[in-house]
Amino acid sequence: MTARDFRALYERLRNQAAPPAVDGRCGALRHLTPERVAAAAAEVRTGDTVSLAAPIETVRGPDDPEPAVHRMTGPSASELGSHALHFATDRFAMNVHGDADSHLDALCHVVFDGELYGGVPARTVTADGARRLSVDVLENGIVGRGVLLDVPRLRGVPWLEPGDSVTSDDLTAAEAAQGVRVGPGDLLFVRVGHRLRRTELGPWDSAEARAGLHPTAVDFLAERHVAALGGDGNNDTAPSVVEDVAFPVHVLAIHAMGVHLMDYLRFEDLVPVCARTGRWSFLCVVAPLRLTGATGSPVNPIAVL
C-alpha cells in the first residue's frame, strides 16, 4: 500500500470519527451505549466464563527481551519457620506494550503527525504521564457483546503464517461461515492463530514477522461501528504493508478512529467452546487497571457464555 493511499484512507476514517469525548464516552466507545450493554447480557446462556488473556511471561525470549518481573518480597525464611502471623507478599513490574503479554492500548498510545487521537496535542504526554486520553477513560471498564472471528478456521489452517494479512473479505466470509454478524458497539476479536503457532513452534521475533490485519480491513470496523478491537497478535501485520508506516492498523484504529486495541490475547480456550455451541458471540467484560496517566494496561478480558 503506498503512502499516498494510506494517507487517503487515514483522512477518510478520521473525518468519519467522533471528537475525543461525547457524553463521557471516548472515541469509538460512543457506539457502546447503555442500551447495547444491557442487550449484551442476553448473550449469556450457561454462565461459563473464559479468559481471553495469556499467562504473563517472566522468561526472556525472542519476542520478549524485557519480560515481566515477579519477585516475592516476603515472608523471610525465618518468618516461614515461626508460628507467628506473617503475610506472603510480592512485587510485579512489566513492559506493558511488549510482544508477548496481553495488554490494552489507550488512545494516547499512538502519536502521529505530532498529535494524538482527535487532534489532542502530543505534548500532553509527558514524563509524568499522559494528561489526556490515558487508560483513565476506561475506569469503569468495557462491557458489551463480544464477537470472535476465526480466520484460520475459515481458511482451513491452524494459524496464519507471519507476514500474512486479514482482509475485509476475510472478516465478512468468517461472519458467514460462523453464522454471526458484527454490529454497532460490538467488541470485535480477530484470531490469526498467533498464540497456537507460538505454543506449537516456539516463540520467534514477532516484531519482525507476524500475521495481522491489512490496513484496508479497518474499513470493516468503521462500517460496523465497532467499539473495540482485540487480536491474538499485535493486530498489525509485520513487515508492514505500508511504506514508511510501521503500524498502520494502530494509526488507523487508535489515532484516526479512537478505537481501543487489545494486543496479544489468547483465544485457544474460547474457540472450542464457540465451536461446540455454534455461538461465536458472548458477553465480554474488559477491566484494565486504574492507572493514572498510563498509555495502556495489562488486561484479562472475560467472555461470559
Protein backbone atom coordinates (compact mmCIF):
# COMPACT_ATOMS: atom_id res chain seq x y z
CA MET A 1 0.00 0.00 0.00
CA THR A 2 1.52 3.32 -0.99
CA ALA A 3 1.96 6.15 1.48
CA ARG A 4 -0.47 8.20 -0.59
CA ASP A 5 -3.20 5.53 -0.49
CA PHE A 6 -2.68 5.09 3.25
CA ARG A 7 -2.98 8.82 3.83
CA ALA A 8 -6.24 8.92 1.88
CA LEU A 9 -7.64 6.06 3.97
CA TYR A 10 -6.45 7.71 7.17
CA GLU A 11 -8.08 11.05 6.33
CA ARG A 12 -11.36 9.41 5.36
CA LEU A 13 -11.57 7.35 8.58
CA ARG A 14 -10.54 10.32 10.69
CA ASN A 15 -13.23 12.52 9.17
CA GLN A 16 -15.85 9.88 10.00
CA ALA A 17 -14.77 9.57 13.64
CA ALA A 18 -16.28 11.36 16.61
CA PRO A 19 -14.43 14.01 18.64
CA PRO A 20 -12.39 12.80 21.63
CA ALA A 21 -15.30 12.80 24.06
CA VAL A 22 -19.06 12.59 23.54
CA ASP A 23 -21.17 12.46 26.71
CA GLY A 24 -18.29 10.86 28.57
CA ARG A 25 -17.85 8.06 26.02
CA CYS A 26 -14.43 8.43 24.49
CA GLY A 27 -13.80 7.66 20.83
CA ALA A 28 -15.46 4.58 19.34
CA LEU A 29 -16.90 3.68 22.75
CA ARG A 30 -19.68 6.11 21.82
CA HIS A 31 -21.14 3.16 19.89
CA LEU A 32 -21.37 1.12 23.10
CA THR A 33 -24.49 2.69 24.56
CA PRO A 34 -26.09 1.60 27.86
CA GLU A 35 -28.87 0.01 25.81
CA ARG A 36 -26.33 -2.12 23.92
CA VAL A 37 -24.59 -3.10 27.14
CA ALA A 38 -27.92 -4.26 28.55
CA ALA A 39 -28.69 -6.16 25.35
CA ALA A 40 -25.29 -7.88 25.53
CA ALA A 41 -26.35 -9.52 28.79
CA ALA A 42 -28.81 -11.60 26.75
CA GLU A 43 -25.81 -13.38 25.19
CA VAL A 44 -25.31 -15.33 28.42
CA ARG A 45 -26.68 -18.88 28.24
CA THR A 46 -24.67 -21.16 30.53
CA GLY A 47 -22.84 -18.68 32.74
CA ASP A 48 -19.47 -20.23 31.87
CA THR A 49 -16.53 -17.81 31.85
CA VAL A 50 -13.41 -17.98 29.69
CA SER A 51 -10.29 -15.81 29.90
CA LEU A 52 -9.05 -14.22 26.67
CA ALA A 53 -5.61 -13.41 28.09
CA ALA A 54 -2.36 -15.33 28.00
CA PRO A 55 -0.36 -16.05 31.16
CA ILE A 56 2.12 -13.23 31.76
CA GLU A 57 5.63 -14.18 30.68
CA THR A 58 8.56 -13.89 33.11
CA VAL A 59 11.18 -15.69 30.98
CA ARG A 60 13.21 -13.83 28.37
CA GLY A 61 12.52 -14.90 24.78
CA PRO A 62 12.95 -13.74 21.17
CA ASP A 63 9.61 -11.92 21.32
CA ASP A 64 10.04 -10.78 24.92
CA PRO A 65 13.52 -9.35 25.61
CA GLU A 66 12.18 -7.47 28.66
CA PRO A 67 9.87 -9.96 30.35
CA ALA A 68 7.73 -9.14 33.35
CA VAL A 69 9.45 -9.35 36.73
CA HIS A 70 7.74 -11.09 39.63
CA ARG A 71 9.54 -11.07 42.98
CA MET A 72 8.42 -12.39 46.33
CA THR A 73 9.02 -9.73 48.97
CA GLY A 74 8.01 -11.79 51.98
CA PRO A 75 7.93 -13.65 54.22
CA SER A 76 11.57 -14.28 55.02
CA ALA A 77 12.97 -17.74 55.67
CA SER A 78 12.99 -17.10 59.41
CA GLU A 79 9.39 -15.90 59.36
CA LEU A 80 8.32 -19.03 57.47
CA GLY A 81 9.75 -21.11 60.31
CA SER A 82 7.90 -19.25 63.06
CA HIS A 83 4.40 -19.77 64.40
CA ALA A 84 3.54 -16.05 64.36
CA LEU A 85 1.28 -14.42 61.82
CA HIS A 86 3.01 -13.33 58.59
CA PHE A 87 1.84 -12.43 55.10
CA ALA A 88 3.14 -13.61 51.76
CA THR A 89 3.79 -10.52 49.60
CA ASP A 90 5.19 -9.87 46.17
CA ARG A 91 6.02 -7.21 43.60
CA PHE A 92 5.27 -7.16 39.89
CA ALA A 93 6.64 -4.98 37.05
CA MET A 94 6.21 -5.24 33.27
CA ASN A 95 6.71 -3.55 29.92
CA VAL A 96 3.05 -3.01 29.05
CA HIS A 97 3.46 -2.68 25.27
CA GLY A 98 5.64 -5.74 24.62
CA ASP A 99 5.13 -8.50 22.06
CA ALA A 100 4.19 -11.32 24.43
CA ASP A 101 1.80 -10.22 27.17
CA SER A 102 -1.90 -9.42 26.74
CA HIS A 103 -2.48 -5.70 27.04
CA LEU A 104 -4.78 -2.84 26.14
CA ASP A 105 -3.65 0.27 24.26
CA ALA A 106 -5.03 3.59 25.48
CA LEU A 107 -5.88 6.32 22.98
CA CYS A 108 -2.77 8.28 23.99
CA HIS A 109 -0.54 5.39 22.87
CA VAL A 110 -0.16 6.48 19.22
CA VAL A 111 1.47 9.77 18.25
CA PHE A 112 1.12 10.60 14.55
CA ASP A 113 1.62 13.91 12.77
CA GLY A 114 2.54 15.41 16.14
CA GLU A 115 -0.91 14.68 17.57
CA LEU A 116 -2.93 12.11 19.47
CA TYR A 117 -6.43 10.98 18.53
CA GLY A 118 -8.86 13.81 17.87
CA GLY A 119 -6.12 16.41 17.37
CA VAL A 120 -5.07 16.35 21.02
CA PRO A 121 -1.52 17.80 21.16
CA ALA A 122 1.23 15.22 21.58
CA ARG A 123 2.80 17.38 24.31
CA THR A 124 0.02 16.25 26.64
CA VAL A 125 2.07 13.04 27.00
CA THR A 126 4.84 13.86 29.46
CA ALA A 127 7.44 12.06 31.54
CA ASP A 128 4.92 12.16 34.39
CA GLY A 129 2.18 10.51 32.34
CA ALA A 130 -0.48 11.37 29.76
CA ARG A 131 -2.79 14.22 30.69
CA ARG A 132 -5.39 13.32 28.05
CA LEU A 133 -6.82 10.09 26.57
CA SER A 134 -4.98 7.79 29.00
CA VAL A 135 -6.31 4.47 30.26
CA ASP A 136 -8.12 6.53 32.92
CA VAL A 137 -11.03 6.95 30.50
CA LEU A 138 -11.74 3.23 30.98
CA GLU A 139 -12.05 3.42 34.75
CA ASN A 140 -15.49 1.79 34.52
CA GLY A 141 -14.27 -0.89 32.12
CA ILE A 142 -15.68 -2.00 28.79
CA VAL A 143 -18.69 -4.33 28.88
CA GLY A 144 -20.51 -5.37 25.75
CA ARG A 145 -21.18 -8.02 23.15
CA GLY A 146 -18.00 -9.75 22.06
CA VAL A 147 -17.70 -11.43 18.65
CA LEU A 148 -14.85 -13.77 17.71
CA LEU A 149 -13.98 -14.19 14.03
CA ASP A 150 -11.61 -17.12 13.46
CA VAL A 151 -9.74 -16.52 10.20
CA PRO A 152 -7.54 -19.67 10.30
CA ARG A 153 -10.71 -21.73 10.77
CA LEU A 154 -12.15 -20.03 7.68
CA ARG A 155 -9.06 -20.85 5.64
CA GLY A 156 -8.76 -24.41 6.94
CA VAL A 157 -5.37 -23.91 8.59
CA PRO A 158 -4.26 -23.92 12.25
CA TRP A 159 -2.78 -20.42 12.01
CA LEU A 160 -1.82 -17.69 9.56
CA GLU A 161 1.87 -17.54 8.80
CA PRO A 162 3.85 -14.43 9.84
CA GLY A 163 3.51 -11.74 7.20
CA ASP A 164 0.00 -12.80 6.14
CA SER A 165 -2.80 -10.23 6.33
CA VAL A 166 -6.50 -10.44 7.15
CA THR A 167 -8.70 -8.52 4.73
CA SER A 168 -12.23 -7.14 4.97
CA ASP A 169 -13.32 -10.01 2.71
CA ASP A 170 -11.86 -12.46 5.24
CA LEU A 171 -13.88 -10.87 8.02
CA THR A 172 -17.17 -10.93 6.11
CA ALA A 173 -16.50 -14.52 4.97
CA ALA A 174 -15.78 -15.56 8.56
CA GLU A 175 -19.07 -14.00 9.64
CA ALA A 176 -20.95 -16.02 7.05
CA ALA A 177 -19.13 -19.26 7.89
CA GLN A 178 -19.71 -18.83 11.61
CA GLY A 179 -23.30 -17.59 11.37
CA VAL A 180 -22.66 -14.33 13.20
CA ARG A 181 -22.66 -10.65 12.28
CA VAL A 182 -20.67 -7.84 13.84
CA GLY A 183 -22.83 -4.87 14.75
CA PRO A 184 -22.66 -1.39 16.31
CA GLY A 185 -20.99 -1.29 19.70
CA ASP A 186 -19.54 -4.80 19.44
CA LEU A 187 -16.13 -5.76 20.77
CA LEU A 188 -14.52 -7.48 17.80
CA PHE A 189 -11.90 -10.19 18.37
CA VAL A 190 -9.97 -11.48 15.35
CA ARG A 191 -8.00 -14.72 15.64
CA VAL A 192 -4.96 -15.21 13.41
CA GLY A 193 -3.58 -18.17 15.38
CA HIS A 194 -0.50 -16.36 16.71
CA ARG A 195 -0.76 -17.98 20.14
CA LEU A 196 -1.22 -21.50 18.83
CA ARG A 197 1.75 -21.12 16.48
CA ARG A 198 3.86 -19.83 19.37
CA THR A 199 2.85 -22.79 21.54
CA GLU A 200 3.46 -25.39 18.83
CA LEU A 201 6.63 -23.99 17.22
CA GLY A 202 8.05 -21.83 19.99
CA PRO A 203 8.41 -18.06 20.21
CA TRP A 204 10.05 -16.02 17.46
CA ASP A 205 10.87 -12.37 16.89
CA SER A 206 7.31 -11.29 16.19
CA ALA A 207 8.38 -7.65 15.98
CA GLU A 208 9.89 -8.59 12.60
CA ALA A 209 7.25 -11.02 11.31
CA ARG A 210 3.65 -11.64 12.37
CA ALA A 211 0.17 -12.04 10.95
CA GLY A 212 -2.36 -9.25 11.41
CA LEU A 213 -4.98 -7.10 9.76
CA HIS A 214 -4.46 -5.38 6.44
CA PRO A 215 -4.99 -1.61 6.83
CA THR A 216 -7.98 -1.72 4.49
CA ALA A 217 -9.69 -4.12 6.93
CA VAL A 218 -10.09 -1.18 9.31
CA ASP A 219 -12.87 -0.04 6.96
CA PHE A 220 -14.83 -3.03 8.31
CA LEU A 221 -14.53 -1.60 11.83
CA ALA A 222 -15.76 1.79 10.67
CA GLU A 223 -18.68 0.40 8.65
CA ARG A 224 -19.88 -1.78 11.55
CA HIS A 225 -19.26 0.88 14.23
CA VAL A 226 -17.09 -1.47 16.29
CA ALA A 227 -16.35 -0.19 19.82
CA ALA A 228 -13.04 -2.01 20.43
CA LEU A 229 -10.72 -4.44 18.65
CA GLY A 230 -8.69 -7.32 20.06
CA GLY A 231 -6.34 -9.82 18.43
CA ASP A 232 -4.10 -12.71 19.42
CA GLY A 233 -1.22 -10.93 17.70
CA ASN A 234 -0.36 -7.25 17.52
CA ASN A 235 -3.33 -6.54 15.19
CA ASP A 236 -0.75 -5.14 12.73
CA THR A 237 0.99 -7.31 10.14
CA ALA A 238 4.79 -7.34 10.09
CA PRO A 239 6.58 -6.44 7.96
CA SER A 240 4.21 -3.53 7.39
CA VAL A 241 2.43 -3.42 4.05
CA VAL A 242 2.54 0.40 4.07
CA GLU A 243 5.68 2.25 3.12
CA ASP A 244 7.10 4.40 5.92
CA VAL A 245 4.34 3.48 8.43
CA ALA A 246 5.32 0.60 10.70
CA PHE A 247 1.97 0.13 12.48
CA PRO A 248 -0.76 1.26 10.09
CA VAL A 249 -3.63 -0.52 11.88
CA HIS A 250 -2.65 1.14 15.16
CA VAL A 251 -2.59 4.51 13.43
CA LEU A 252 -5.94 3.99 11.72
CA ALA A 253 -7.79 2.38 14.64
CA ILE A 254 -6.43 4.32 17.60
CA HIS A 255 -5.34 7.63 16.10
CA ALA A 256 -7.88 8.14 13.32
CA MET A 257 -10.95 6.43 14.82
CA GLY A 258 -10.46 6.32 18.60
CA VAL A 259 -10.75 2.52 18.82
CA HIS A 260 -9.06 0.96 21.85
CA LEU A 261 -6.92 -2.03 20.86
CA MET A 262 -6.11 -5.21 22.77
CA ASP A 263 -2.94 -6.96 21.63
CA TYR A 264 -1.58 -10.48 22.15
CA LEU A 265 -4.73 -12.02 23.58
CA ARG A 266 -5.31 -15.78 23.66
CA PHE A 267 -8.37 -17.45 22.11
CA GLU A 268 -7.42 -21.13 22.33
CA ASP A 269 -9.73 -21.76 25.31
CA LEU A 270 -12.64 -19.87 23.75
CA VAL A 271 -12.58 -21.38 20.25
CA PRO A 272 -13.59 -24.94 21.25
CA VAL A 273 -16.46 -23.61 23.36
CA CYS A 274 -17.76 -21.49 20.50
CA ALA A 275 -17.32 -24.35 18.01
CA ARG A 276 -19.14 -26.80 20.25
CA THR A 277 -22.10 -24.49 20.91
CA GLY A 278 -22.16 -22.94 17.44
CA ARG A 279 -22.22 -19.48 19.04
CA TRP A 280 -19.43 -17.00 18.31
CA SER A 281 -20.84 -14.09 20.31
CA PHE A 282 -20.83 -13.62 24.08
CA LEU A 283 -20.95 -11.07 26.86
CA CYS A 284 -17.46 -9.68 27.34
CA VAL A 285 -16.02 -7.82 30.33
CA VAL A 286 -12.76 -5.88 29.91
CA ALA A 287 -11.34 -4.33 33.08
CA PRO A 288 -7.95 -2.62 32.68
CA LEU A 289 -6.12 -1.46 35.79
CA ARG A 290 -6.88 2.04 37.06
CA LEU A 291 -3.50 3.54 36.20
CA THR A 292 -3.44 7.34 36.21
CA GLY A 293 -1.91 8.80 33.06
CA ALA A 294 -0.89 5.42 31.60
CA THR A 295 -0.70 4.62 27.88
CA GLY A 296 -2.04 1.11 28.43
CA SER A 297 -2.64 -1.68 30.90
CA PRO A 298 -2.29 -5.42 31.29
CA VAL A 299 -5.70 -6.86 30.54
CA ASN A 300 -7.66 -10.05 31.06
CA PRO A 301 -10.91 -9.89 29.05
CA ILE A 302 -13.50 -12.38 30.23
CA ALA A 303 -16.04 -13.98 27.88
CA VAL A 304 -19.29 -14.95 29.60
CA LEU A 305 -21.17 -17.58 27.62
